């Protein structure tokens, strides 16, 4: 049974008071308290988002290709990667979508839920993001993608600070302009988002694409997508591709029955 108690102020998607990214700017510390980094030893592996007091939403490919969920450490409440005031958590379980498949270009049903080994204590620095309803329309809105990933294609190191950039959903017909996208984009469960010179990059995989919505009078942030795949970073006609979270709400709820959801 999903619990709805013990949340900090009983709300999800509330940004902090201080208000893999290319063309991004540094986020004010803890402005997006749902952001976490998934570490493989000392190396940034993927991003993720807190959705309950014990669950992280990320990409399925983050626990594939030789990486087991037990190999990961989750850094919670982090802004500066050199500041050790964040909380380090271990992963007790990781479930990717049963129909996850991959080829050399794209991942289908690229979504996974990680279960932490202990419950989070919500605060100004640690708070879950809201899950959207399928009826919510995020087209023509400015969406945020944030992470500690590389700031350009081929960069040797990831960003020290949490970065964010603003993108917009690209119509699937426009996204299929190039043959490689036309052959690999599954429009029902994937969407493209891009702004000129701005994109997610290596290390941002699994991180959230998120936005406010008029349904909550733009006071709450909802996770619209999960960084999934793309060709290079911030290349014209090759936008970032995201898993559409609203298409998987029932599956997510099934995996998180023991978690505390904030409303």
C-alpha atoms as a PDB file:
ATOM      1  CA  UNK A   1       0.000   0.000   0.000  1.00  0.00           C
ATOM      2  CA  UNK A   2       1.430   3.364  -1.002  1.00  0.00           C
ATOM      3  CA  UNK A   3       1.814   5.662   1.979  1.00  0.00           C
ATOM      4  CA  UNK A   4       1.088   9.387   1.755  1.00  0.00           C
ATOM      5  CA  UNK A   5       2.223  10.491   5.195  1.00  0.00           C
ATOM      6  CA  UNK A   6       5.483  11.717   6.730  1.00  0.00           C
ATOM      7  CA  UNK A   7       6.305  14.057   3.832  1.00  0.00           C
ATOM      8  CA  UNK A   8       8.039  17.355   4.417  1.00  0.00           C
ATOM      9  CA  UNK A   9       5.124  19.812   4.320  1.00  0.00           C
ATOM     10  CA  UNK A  10       3.178  17.028   2.514  1.00  0.00           C
ATOM     11  CA  UNK A  11       4.070  18.311  -0.946  1.00  0.00           C
ATOM     12  CA  UNK A  12       6.095  17.119  -3.899  1.00  0.00           C
ATOM     13  CA  UNK A  13       7.755  19.222  -6.561  1.00  0.00           C
ATOM     14  CA  UNK A  14       8.485  22.253  -4.386  1.00  0.00           C
ATOM     15  CA  UNK A  15      11.721  23.937  -5.452  1.00  0.00           C
ATOM     16  CA  UNK A  16      14.242  25.153  -2.906  1.00  0.00           C
ATOM     17  CA  UNK A  17      14.060  28.754  -1.783  1.00  0.00           C
ATOM     18  CA  UNK A  18      17.383  29.485  -3.479  1.00  0.00           C
ATOM     19  CA  UNK A  19      16.371  29.273  -6.791  1.00  0.00           C
ATOM     20  CA  UNK A  20      24.650  16.253 -18.546  1.00  0.00           C
ATOM     21  CA  UNK A  21      24.218  19.787 -19.631  1.00  0.00           C
ATOM     22  CA  UNK A  22      25.480  21.724 -22.645  1.00  0.00           C
ATOM     23  CA  UNK A  23      24.856  25.460 -22.818  1.00  0.00           C
ATOM     24  CA  UNK A  24      23.719  25.419 -19.215  1.00  0.00           C
ATOM     25  CA  UNK A  25      24.052  27.642 -16.183  1.00  0.00           C
ATOM     26  CA  UNK A  26      24.857  26.757 -12.585  1.00  0.00           C
ATOM     27  CA  UNK A  27      21.813  26.031 -10.452  1.00  0.00           C
ATOM     28  CA  UNK A  28      21.426  27.847  -7.154  1.00  0.00           C
ATOM     29  CA  UNK A  29      22.303  25.321  -4.426  1.00  0.00           C
ATOM     30  CA  UNK A  30      19.456  22.880  -3.708  1.00  0.00           C
ATOM     31  CA  UNK A  31      16.970  24.638  -5.990  1.00  0.00           C
ATOM     32  CA  UNK A  32      15.949  21.225  -7.316  1.00  0.00           C
ATOM     33  CA  UNK A  33      16.056  18.983  -4.236  1.00  0.00           C
ATOM     34  CA  UNK A  34      14.854  15.890  -6.112  1.00  0.00           C
ATOM     35  CA  UNK A  35      18.040  15.657  -8.205  1.00  0.00           C
ATOM     36  CA  UNK A  36      20.449  12.848  -7.313  1.00  0.00           C
ATOM     37  CA  UNK A  37      23.622  11.514  -8.890  1.00  0.00           C
ATOM     38  CA  UNK A  38      24.253   7.805  -9.413  1.00  0.00           C
ATOM     39  CA  UNK A  39      27.935   7.102  -8.832  1.00  0.00           C
ATOM     40  CA  UNK A  40      29.974   4.149 -10.053  1.00  0.00           C
ATOM     41  CA  UNK A  41      32.849   4.326  -7.602  1.00  0.00           C
ATOM     42  CA  UNK A  42      34.255   7.868  -7.918  1.00  0.00           C
ATOM     43  CA  UNK A  43      32.787   8.292 -11.406  1.00  0.00           C
ATOM     44  CA  UNK A  44      29.482   9.977 -12.269  1.00  0.00           C
ATOM     45  CA  UNK A  45      27.417   7.299 -13.989  1.00  0.00           C
ATOM     46  CA  UNK A  46      23.883   8.668 -14.330  1.00  0.00           C
ATOM     47  CA  UNK A  47      21.343  11.036 -12.853  1.00  0.00           C
ATOM     48  CA  UNK A  48      18.020  10.336 -11.196  1.00  0.00           C
ATOM     49  CA  UNK A  49      15.096  11.882  -9.363  1.00  0.00           C
ATOM     50  CA  UNK A  50      13.552  11.195  -5.960  1.00  0.00           C
ATOM     51  CA  UNK A  51       9.898  10.146  -6.327  1.00  0.00           C
ATOM     52  CA  UNK A  52       9.208   8.658  -2.872  1.00  0.00           C
ATOM     53  CA  UNK A  53      11.098   8.513   0.406  1.00  0.00           C
ATOM     54  CA  UNK A  54      12.832   5.324  -0.737  1.00  0.00           C
ATOM     55  CA  UNK A  55      12.661   5.304  -4.560  1.00  0.00           C
ATOM     56  CA  UNK A  56      14.680   6.894  -7.366  1.00  0.00           C
ATOM     57  CA  UNK A  57      13.458   7.136 -10.965  1.00  0.00           C
ATOM     58  CA  UNK A  58      16.164   6.751 -13.609  1.00  0.00           C
ATOM     59  CA  UNK A  59      16.838   5.198 -17.024  1.00  0.00           C
ATOM     60  CA  UNK A  60      16.868   1.462 -17.619  1.00  0.00           C
ATOM     61  CA  UNK A  61      20.186   1.639 -19.443  1.00  0.00           C
ATOM     62  CA  UNK A  62      21.796   2.961 -16.243  1.00  0.00           C
ATOM     63  CA  UNK A  63      21.574  -0.559 -14.779  1.00  0.00           C
ATOM     64  CA  UNK A  64      22.471  -2.443 -17.956  1.00  0.00           C
ATOM     65  CA  UNK A  65      25.619  -3.167 -19.973  1.00  0.00           C
ATOM     66  CA  UNK A  66      27.597  -4.666 -17.108  1.00  0.00           C
ATOM     67  CA  UNK A  67      26.436  -2.235 -14.411  1.00  0.00           C
ATOM     68  CA  UNK A  68      24.404  -3.839 -11.626  1.00  0.00           C
ATOM     69  CA  UNK A  69      22.255  -1.717  -9.345  1.00  0.00           C
ATOM     70  CA  UNK A  70      24.349  -2.869  -6.385  1.00  0.00           C
ATOM     71  CA  UNK A  71      27.380  -1.236  -8.020  1.00  0.00           C
ATOM     72  CA  UNK A  72      25.803   2.205  -7.628  1.00  0.00           C
ATOM     73  CA  UNK A  73      25.930   4.742  -4.819  1.00  0.00           C
ATOM     74  CA  UNK A  74      23.299   7.487  -4.728  1.00  0.00           C
ATOM     75  CA  UNK A  75      24.373  10.968  -3.684  1.00  0.00           C
ATOM     76  CA  UNK A  76      21.401  12.852  -2.244  1.00  0.00           C
ATOM     77  CA  UNK A  77      21.266  16.576  -1.483  1.00  0.00           C
ATOM     78  CA  UNK A  78      24.339  17.369  -3.567  1.00  0.00           C
ATOM     79  CA  UNK A  79      25.163  20.579  -5.441  1.00  0.00           C
ATOM     80  CA  UNK A  80      28.955  20.842  -5.518  1.00  0.00           C
ATOM     81  CA  UNK A  81      30.561  17.450  -6.128  1.00  0.00           C
ATOM     82  CA  UNK A  82      33.591  18.501  -4.053  1.00  0.00           C
ATOM     83  CA  UNK A  83      31.447  19.455  -1.067  1.00  0.00           C
ATOM     84  CA  UNK A  84      30.940  16.294   1.007  1.00  0.00           C
ATOM     85  CA  UNK A  85      27.867  17.490   2.890  1.00  0.00           C
ATOM     86  CA  UNK A  86      25.607  15.336   0.693  1.00  0.00           C
ATOM     87  CA  UNK A  87      24.184  12.009   1.916  1.00  0.00           C
ATOM     88  CA  UNK A  88      25.493   8.796   0.377  1.00  0.00           C
ATOM     89  CA  UNK A  89      22.947   5.979  -0.005  1.00  0.00           C
ATOM     90  CA  UNK A  90      23.186   2.382  -1.162  1.00  0.00           C
ATOM     91  CA  UNK A  91      20.766   0.715  -3.562  1.00  0.00           C
ATOM     92  CA  UNK A  92      18.879  -2.319  -2.273  1.00  0.00           C
ATOM     93  CA  UNK A  93      17.024  -3.145  -5.472  1.00  0.00           C
ATOM     94  CA  UNK A  94      16.751  -1.970  -9.052  1.00  0.00           C
ATOM     95  CA  UNK A  95      14.015  -2.868 -11.521  1.00  0.00           C
ATOM     96  CA  UNK A  96      14.010  -1.818 -15.149  1.00  0.00           C
ATOM     97  CA  UNK A  97      10.960  -2.076 -17.362  1.00  0.00           C
ATOM     98  CA  UNK A  98      10.319  -5.700 -18.375  1.00  0.00           C
ATOM     99  CA  UNK A  99      10.229  -4.701 -22.046  1.00  0.00           C
ATOM    100  CA  UNK A 100      13.446  -2.685 -21.987  1.00  0.00           C
ATOM    101  CA  UNK A 101      15.448  -3.306 -25.160  1.00  0.00           C
ATOM    102  CA  UNK A 102      18.507  -1.647 -26.619  1.00  0.00           C
ATOM    103  CA  UNK A 103      20.547  -1.417 -29.771  1.00  0.00           C
ATOM    104  CA  UNK A 104      23.651   0.585 -30.621  1.00  0.00           C
ATOM    105  CA  UNK A 105      21.604   3.807 -30.895  1.00  0.00           C
ATOM    106  CA  UNK A 106      18.512   3.818 -28.767  1.00  0.00           C
ATOM    107  CA  UNK A 107      16.865   2.251 -25.718  1.00  0.00           C
ATOM    108  CA  UNK A 108      13.149   1.363 -25.723  1.00  0.00           C
ATOM    109  CA  UNK A 109      11.152   1.470 -22.455  1.00  0.00           C
ATOM    110  CA  UNK A 110      14.209   3.144 -20.954  1.00  0.00           C
ATOM    111  CA  UNK A 111      13.019   3.474 -17.389  1.00  0.00           C
ATOM    112  CA  UNK A 112      13.990   1.960 -14.031  1.00  0.00           C
ATOM    113  CA  UNK A 113      13.114   2.323 -10.364  1.00  0.00           C
ATOM    114  CA  UNK A 114      15.826   2.031  -7.709  1.00  0.00           C
ATOM    115  CA  UNK A 115      14.997   1.191  -4.098  1.00  0.00           C
ATOM    116  CA  UNK A 116      17.311   2.665  -1.467  1.00  0.00           C
ATOM    117  CA  UNK A 117      18.514   0.679   1.529  1.00  0.00           C
ATOM    118  CA  UNK A 118      16.919   3.154   3.936  1.00  0.00           C
ATOM    119  CA  UNK A 119      14.295   5.850   3.847  1.00  0.00           C
ATOM    120  CA  UNK A 120      15.114   9.463   3.098  1.00  0.00           C
ATOM    121  CA  UNK A 121      14.363  12.257   5.517  1.00  0.00           C
ATOM    122  CA  UNK A 122      12.757  15.038   3.506  1.00  0.00           C
ATOM    123  CA  UNK A 123      13.950  18.595   4.055  1.00  0.00           C
ATOM    124  CA  UNK A 124      14.643  21.781   2.109  1.00  0.00           C
ATOM    125  CA  UNK A 125      17.562  19.969   0.449  1.00  0.00           C
ATOM    126  CA  UNK A 126      15.924  16.576  -0.096  1.00  0.00           C
ATOM    127  CA  UNK A 127      12.438  16.407  -1.538  1.00  0.00           C
ATOM    128  CA  UNK A 128      10.581  14.341  -4.173  1.00  0.00           C
ATOM    129  CA  UNK A 129       9.389  15.577  -7.547  1.00  0.00           C
ATOM    130  CA  UNK A 130       5.747  15.114  -8.566  1.00  0.00           C
ATOM    131  CA  UNK A 131       4.734  12.520 -11.152  1.00  0.00           C
ATOM    132  CA  UNK A 132       2.553  13.865 -13.974  1.00  0.00           C
ATOM    133  CA  UNK A 133      -0.854  12.718 -15.092  1.00  0.00           C
ATOM    134  CA  UNK A 134      -1.146  11.476 -18.659  1.00  0.00           C
ATOM    135  CA  UNK A 135      -3.642  14.239 -19.438  1.00  0.00           C
ATOM    136  CA  UNK A 136      -1.088  16.975 -18.708  1.00  0.00           C
ATOM    137  CA  UNK A 137       0.184  18.746 -21.814  1.00  0.00           C
ATOM    138  CA  UNK A 138       3.737  20.066 -21.599  1.00  0.00           C
ATOM    139  CA  UNK A 139       4.079  21.164 -25.221  1.00  0.00           C
ATOM    140  CA  UNK A 140       5.037  24.782 -25.824  1.00  0.00           C
ATOM    141  CA  UNK A 141       6.377  25.042 -22.270  1.00  0.00           C
ATOM    142  CA  UNK A 142       9.939  25.716 -21.239  1.00  0.00           C
ATOM    143  CA  UNK A 143      11.277  22.515 -19.684  1.00  0.00           C
ATOM    144  CA  UNK A 144      14.314  22.136 -17.461  1.00  0.00           C
ATOM    145  CA  UNK A 145      16.962  19.439 -17.700  1.00  0.00           C
ATOM    146  CA  UNK A 146      19.632  19.369 -15.019  1.00  0.00           C
ATOM    147  CA  UNK A 147      22.630  17.262 -14.099  1.00  0.00           C
ATOM    148  CA  UNK A 148      26.349  17.028 -13.452  1.00  0.00           C
ATOM    149  CA  UNK A 149      27.174  15.537 -16.862  1.00  0.00           C
ATOM    150  CA  UNK A 150      29.769  16.667 -19.381  1.00  0.00           C
ATOM    151  CA  UNK A 151      29.458  20.207 -20.693  1.00  0.00           C
ATOM    152  CA  UNK A 152      30.458  19.351 -24.262  1.00  0.00           C
ATOM    153  CA  UNK A 153      30.796  16.306 -26.492  1.00  0.00           C
ATOM    154  CA  UNK A 154      34.095  14.547 -25.821  1.00  0.00           C
ATOM    155  CA  UNK A 155      34.865  16.368 -22.568  1.00  0.00           C
ATOM    156  CA  UNK A 156      37.050  14.351 -20.212  1.00  0.00           C
ATOM    157  CA  UNK A 157      35.373  15.360 -16.964  1.00  0.00           C
ATOM    158  CA  UNK A 158      31.865  16.005 -15.688  1.00  0.00           C
ATOM    159  CA  UNK A 159      30.647  19.265 -14.191  1.00  0.00           C
ATOM    160  CA  UNK A 160      31.601  20.086 -10.614  1.00  0.00           C
ATOM    161  CA  UNK A 161      28.334  21.939  -9.990  1.00  0.00           C
ATOM    162  CA  UNK A 162      24.745  21.029 -10.821  1.00  0.00           C
ATOM    163  CA  UNK A 163      23.887  22.663 -14.128  1.00  0.00           C
ATOM    164  CA  UNK A 164      20.543  23.337 -15.755  1.00  0.00           C
ATOM    165  CA  UNK A 165      19.345  24.381 -19.167  1.00  0.00           C
ATOM    166  CA  UNK A 166      15.970  25.111 -20.746  1.00  0.00           C
ATOM    167  CA  UNK A 167      14.625  23.138 -23.683  1.00  0.00           C
ATOM    168  CA  UNK A 168      11.311  22.690 -25.472  1.00  0.00           C
ATOM    169  CA  UNK A 169       9.563  19.623 -26.831  1.00  0.00           C
ATOM    170  CA  UNK A 170      10.252  19.087 -30.529  1.00  0.00           C
ATOM    171  CA  UNK A 171       7.430  17.701 -32.666  1.00  0.00           C
ATOM    172  CA  UNK A 172       8.148  14.051 -33.473  1.00  0.00           C
ATOM    173  CA  UNK A 173       7.876  14.706 -37.216  1.00  0.00           C
ATOM    174  CA  UNK A 174      10.615  17.321 -36.965  1.00  0.00           C
ATOM    175  CA  UNK A 175      12.646  15.044 -34.732  1.00  0.00           C
ATOM    176  CA  UNK A 176      12.556  12.357 -37.420  1.00  0.00           C
ATOM    177  CA  UNK A 177      14.191  14.653 -39.940  1.00  0.00           C
ATOM    178  CA  UNK A 178      17.382  12.579 -39.878  1.00  0.00           C
ATOM    179  CA  UNK A 179      17.287   8.922 -40.889  1.00  0.00           C
ATOM    180  CA  UNK A 180      18.853   7.691 -37.647  1.00  0.00           C
ATOM    181  CA  UNK A 181      16.037   9.245 -35.601  1.00  0.00           C
ATOM    182  CA  UNK A 182      13.391   8.175 -38.088  1.00  0.00           C
ATOM    183  CA  UNK A 183      14.506   4.565 -37.697  1.00  0.00           C
ATOM    184  CA  UNK A 184      14.838   4.588 -33.900  1.00  0.00           C
ATOM    185  CA  UNK A 185      12.304   6.999 -32.397  1.00  0.00           C
ATOM    186  CA  UNK A 186       9.243   5.349 -30.833  1.00  0.00           C
ATOM    187  CA  UNK A 187       6.829   8.274 -30.717  1.00  0.00           C
ATOM    188  CA  UNK A 188       4.410   6.627 -28.267  1.00  0.00           C
ATOM    189  CA  UNK A 189       6.943   6.469 -25.440  1.00  0.00           C
ATOM    190  CA  UNK A 190       9.769   8.825 -26.479  1.00  0.00           C
ATOM    191  CA  UNK A 191       9.890  12.551 -27.073  1.00  0.00           C
ATOM    192  CA  UNK A 192      12.545  14.921 -28.340  1.00  0.00           C
ATOM    193  CA  UNK A 193      13.487  18.177 -26.627  1.00  0.00           C
ATOM    194  CA  UNK A 194      16.069  20.748 -27.647  1.00  0.00           C
ATOM    195  CA  UNK A 195      16.999  24.409 -27.766  1.00  0.00           C
ATOM    196  CA  UNK A 196      19.736  25.815 -29.967  1.00  0.00           C
ATOM    197  CA  UNK A 197      23.088  24.943 -28.404  1.00  0.00           C
ATOM    198  CA  UNK A 198      21.459  23.421 -25.315  1.00  0.00           C
ATOM    199  CA  UNK A 199      21.139  19.746 -24.539  1.00  0.00           C
ATOM    200  CA  UNK A 200      21.848  16.899 -22.147  1.00  0.00           C
ATOM    201  CA  UNK A 201      25.185  15.093 -22.565  1.00  0.00           C
ATOM    202  CA  UNK A 202      27.165  12.108 -21.229  1.00  0.00           C
ATOM    203  CA  UNK A 203      26.548  11.604 -17.514  1.00  0.00           C
ATOM    204  CA  UNK A 204      23.091  13.187 -17.611  1.00  0.00           C
ATOM    205  CA  UNK A 205      21.407   9.912 -18.622  1.00  0.00           C
ATOM    206  CA  UNK A 206      18.626   8.905 -16.280  1.00  0.00           C
ATOM    207  CA  UNK A 207      18.174  12.447 -15.002  1.00  0.00           C
ATOM    208  CA  UNK A 208      14.819  14.217 -15.076  1.00  0.00           C
ATOM    209  CA  UNK A 209      13.292  16.590 -17.600  1.00  0.00           C
ATOM    210  CA  UNK A 210      10.854  18.637 -15.560  1.00  0.00           C
ATOM    211  CA  UNK A 211       8.490  21.599 -15.590  1.00  0.00           C
ATOM    212  CA  UNK A 212       5.794  23.386 -13.671  1.00  0.00           C
ATOM    213  CA  UNK A 213       2.213  23.172 -14.917  1.00  0.00           C
ATOM    214  CA  UNK A 214      -0.854  25.376 -14.774  1.00  0.00           C
ATOM    215  CA  UNK A 215      -2.766  22.561 -13.050  1.00  0.00           C
ATOM    216  CA  UNK A 216      -0.817  23.400  -9.873  1.00  0.00           C
ATOM    217  CA  UNK A 217      -0.786  27.121 -10.706  1.00  0.00           C
ATOM    218  CA  UNK A 218       2.885  26.623 -11.672  1.00  0.00           C
ATOM    219  CA  UNK A 219       3.807  26.052  -8.026  1.00  0.00           C
ATOM    220  CA  UNK A 220       4.886  22.429  -8.343  1.00  0.00           C
ATOM    221  CA  UNK A 221       7.411  20.711 -10.593  1.00  0.00           C
ATOM    222  CA  UNK A 222       6.527  17.539 -12.477  1.00  0.00           C
ATOM    223  CA  UNK A 223       8.872  15.031 -14.063  1.00  0.00           C
ATOM    224  CA  UNK A 224       8.021  15.050 -17.746  1.00  0.00           C
ATOM    225  CA  UNK A 225      10.810  12.841 -19.074  1.00  0.00           C
ATOM    226  CA  UNK A 226      13.956  10.834 -18.375  1.00  0.00           C
ATOM    227  CA  UNK A 227      17.165  11.541 -20.296  1.00  0.00           C
ATOM    228  CA  UNK A 228      17.517   8.516 -22.572  1.00  0.00           C
ATOM    229  CA  UNK A 229      19.574   8.827 -25.772  1.00  0.00           C
ATOM    230  CA  UNK A 230      20.733  11.121 -28.543  1.00  0.00           C
ATOM    231  CA  UNK A 231      23.405  11.663 -31.172  1.00  0.00           C
ATOM    232  CA  UNK A 232      26.316  13.746 -29.839  1.00  0.00           C
ATOM    233  CA  UNK A 233      25.357  16.738 -27.656  1.00  0.00           C
ATOM    234  CA  UNK A 234      23.551  19.911 -28.742  1.00  0.00           C
ATOM    235  CA  UNK A 235      23.886  19.092 -32.445  1.00  0.00           C
ATOM    236  CA  UNK A 236      21.327  20.724 -34.762  1.00  0.00           C
ATOM    237  CA  UNK A 237      18.769  18.191 -36.051  1.00  0.00           C
ATOM    238  CA  UNK A 238      19.867  15.696 -33.364  1.00  0.00           C
ATOM    239  CA  UNK A 239      17.897  16.615 -30.229  1.00  0.00           C
ATOM    240  CA  UNK A 240      17.998  14.767 -26.937  1.00  0.00           C
ATOM    241  CA  UNK A 241      15.484  11.949 -26.613  1.00  0.00           C
ATOM    242  CA  UNK A 242      13.563  11.393 -23.390  1.00  0.00           C
ATOM    243  CA  UNK A 243      11.374   8.596 -22.019  1.00  0.00           C
ATOM    244  CA  UNK A 244       7.852   9.984 -21.509  1.00  0.00           C
ATOM    245  CA  UNK A 245       7.164   9.459 -17.792  1.00  0.00           C
ATOM    246  CA  UNK A 246       3.360   9.787 -18.001  1.00  0.00           C
ATOM    247  CA  UNK A 247       3.226   6.669 -20.201  1.00  0.00           C
ATOM    248  CA  UNK A 248       4.597   4.569 -17.343  1.00  0.00           C
ATOM    249  CA  UNK A 249       2.722   5.844 -14.276  1.00  0.00           C
ATOM    250  CA  UNK A 250       0.930   2.552 -13.583  1.00  0.00           C
ATOM    251  CA  UNK A 251       4.185   0.606 -13.850  1.00  0.00           C
ATOM    252  CA  UNK A 252       6.014   3.099 -11.601  1.00  0.00           C
ATOM    253  CA  UNK A 253       3.278   2.857  -8.960  1.00  0.00           C
ATOM    254  CA  UNK A 254       3.517  -0.926  -8.978  1.00  0.00           C
ATOM    255  CA  UNK A 255       7.244  -0.767  -8.254  1.00  0.00           C
ATOM    256  CA  UNK A 256       6.917   1.803  -5.462  1.00  0.00           C
ATOM    257  CA  UNK A 257       4.103   0.425  -3.307  1.00  0.00           C
ATOM    258  CA  UNK A 258       6.246   0.593  -0.171  1.00  0.00           C
ATOM    259  CA  UNK A 259       7.235   4.221  -0.714  1.00  0.00           C
ATOM    260  CA  UNK A 260       5.821   7.418   0.695  1.00  0.00           C
ATOM    261  CA  UNK A 261       4.336   9.628  -1.999  1.00  0.00           C
ATOM    262  CA  UNK A 262       3.962  13.319  -1.323  1.00  0.00           C
ATOM    263  CA  UNK A 263       0.907  15.057  -2.793  1.00  0.00           C
END
